Amino acid sequence: MMMAQYNQSALLQTLRAYQQQLETTIQQVEQADWRSLEQRLTATHEARSAFL
């Protein structure tokens, strides 16, 4: 809770960026853009390993 209170601006910025990523993913699914979706998921999978 303290993070949200004392870092509201950064939290909102991060949440908005996440929201945009979700919107893009939703659009790819709705448009059956499987190639782009696969590329996005592959890139995020590869990036995730750097944080684990």
C-alpha atoms as a PDB file:
ATOM      1  CA  MET A   1       0.000   0.000   0.000  1.00  0.00           C
ATOM      2  CA  MET A   2       2.803   2.400   0.809  1.00  0.00           C
ATOM      3  CA  MET A   3       4.275   1.870  -2.665  1.00  0.00           C
ATOM      4  CA  ALA A   4       1.046   3.070  -4.249  1.00  0.00           C
ATOM      5  CA  GLN A   5       0.778   6.041  -1.914  1.00  0.00           C
ATOM      6  CA  TYR A   6       4.337   7.266  -2.207  1.00  0.00           C
ATOM      7  CA  ASN A   7       4.974   6.357  -5.816  1.00  0.00           C
ATOM      8  CA  GLN A   8       1.585   7.011  -7.382  1.00  0.00           C
ATOM      9  CA  SER A   9       2.945   8.632 -10.538  1.00  0.00           C
ATOM     10  CA  ALA A  10       5.292   5.773 -11.391  1.00  0.00           C
ATOM     11  CA  LEU A  11       2.656   3.186 -10.498  1.00  0.00           C
ATOM     12  CA  LEU A  12       0.097   4.812 -12.789  1.00  0.00           C
ATOM     13  CA  GLN A  13       2.635   5.037 -15.598  1.00  0.00           C
ATOM     14  CA  THR A  14       3.449   1.342 -15.250  1.00  0.00           C
ATOM     15  CA  LEU A  15      -0.211   0.344 -15.098  1.00  0.00           C
ATOM     16  CA  ARG A  16      -0.991   2.385 -18.216  1.00  0.00           C
ATOM     17  CA  ALA A  17       1.879   0.757 -20.095  1.00  0.00           C
ATOM     18  CA  TYR A  18       0.582  -2.672 -19.008  1.00  0.00           C
ATOM     19  CA  GLN A  19      -2.912  -1.702 -20.092  1.00  0.00           C
ATOM     20  CA  GLN A  20      -1.596  -0.731 -23.536  1.00  0.00           C
ATOM     21  CA  GLN A  21       0.207  -4.056 -23.858  1.00  0.00           C
ATOM     22  CA  LEU A  22      -3.004  -5.886 -22.964  1.00  0.00           C
ATOM     23  CA  GLU A  23      -4.942  -3.857 -25.542  1.00  0.00           C
ATOM     24  CA  THR A  24      -2.420  -4.759 -28.223  1.00  0.00           C
ATOM     25  CA  THR A  25      -2.622  -8.441 -27.292  1.00  0.00           C
ATOM     26  CA  ILE A  26      -6.432  -8.338 -27.328  1.00  0.00           C
ATOM     27  CA  GLN A  27      -6.403  -6.744 -30.776  1.00  0.00           C
ATOM     28  CA  GLN A  28      -4.037  -9.397 -32.081  1.00  0.00           C
ATOM     29  CA  VAL A  29      -6.353 -12.139 -30.834  1.00  0.00           C
ATOM     30  CA  GLU A  30      -9.478 -10.415 -32.179  1.00  0.00           C
ATOM     31  CA  GLN A  31      -7.833  -9.951 -35.571  1.00  0.00           C
ATOM     32  CA  ALA A  32      -6.434 -13.477 -35.547  1.00  0.00           C
ATOM     33  CA  ASP A  33      -2.962 -12.005 -36.028  1.00  0.00           C
ATOM     34  CA  TRP A  34      -1.289 -15.157 -34.796  1.00  0.00           C
ATOM     35  CA  ARG A  35       2.121 -14.381 -36.250  1.00  0.00           C
ATOM     36  CA  SER A  36       2.392 -11.068 -34.375  1.00  0.00           C
ATOM     37  CA  LEU A  37       1.003 -12.622 -31.218  1.00  0.00           C
ATOM     38  CA  GLU A  38       3.533 -15.444 -31.388  1.00  0.00           C
ATOM     39  CA  GLN A  39       6.355 -12.925 -31.884  1.00  0.00           C
ATOM     40  CA  ARG A  40       5.156 -10.898 -28.887  1.00  0.00           C
ATOM     41  CA  LEU A  41       4.860 -13.953 -26.655  1.00  0.00           C
ATOM     42  CA  THR A  42       8.261 -15.257 -27.727  1.00  0.00           C
ATOM     43  CA  ALA A  43       9.888 -11.881 -27.038  1.00  0.00           C
ATOM     44  CA  THR A  44       8.302 -11.608 -23.599  1.00  0.00           C
ATOM     45  CA  HIS A  45       9.284 -15.187 -22.772  1.00  0.00           C
ATOM     46  CA  GLU A  46      12.889 -14.478 -23.704  1.00  0.00           C
ATOM     47  CA  ALA A  47      12.927 -11.190 -21.789  1.00  0.00           C
ATOM     48  CA  ARG A  48      11.428 -12.828 -18.709  1.00  0.00           C
ATOM     49  CA  SER A  49      14.336 -15.234 -18.374  1.00  0.00           C
ATOM     50  CA  ALA A  50      16.650 -12.265 -17.765  1.00  0.00           C
ATOM     51  CA  PHE A  51      14.678 -11.411 -14.627  1.00  0.00           C
ATOM     52  CA  LEU A  52      14.464 -14.880 -13.145  1.00  0.00           C
END
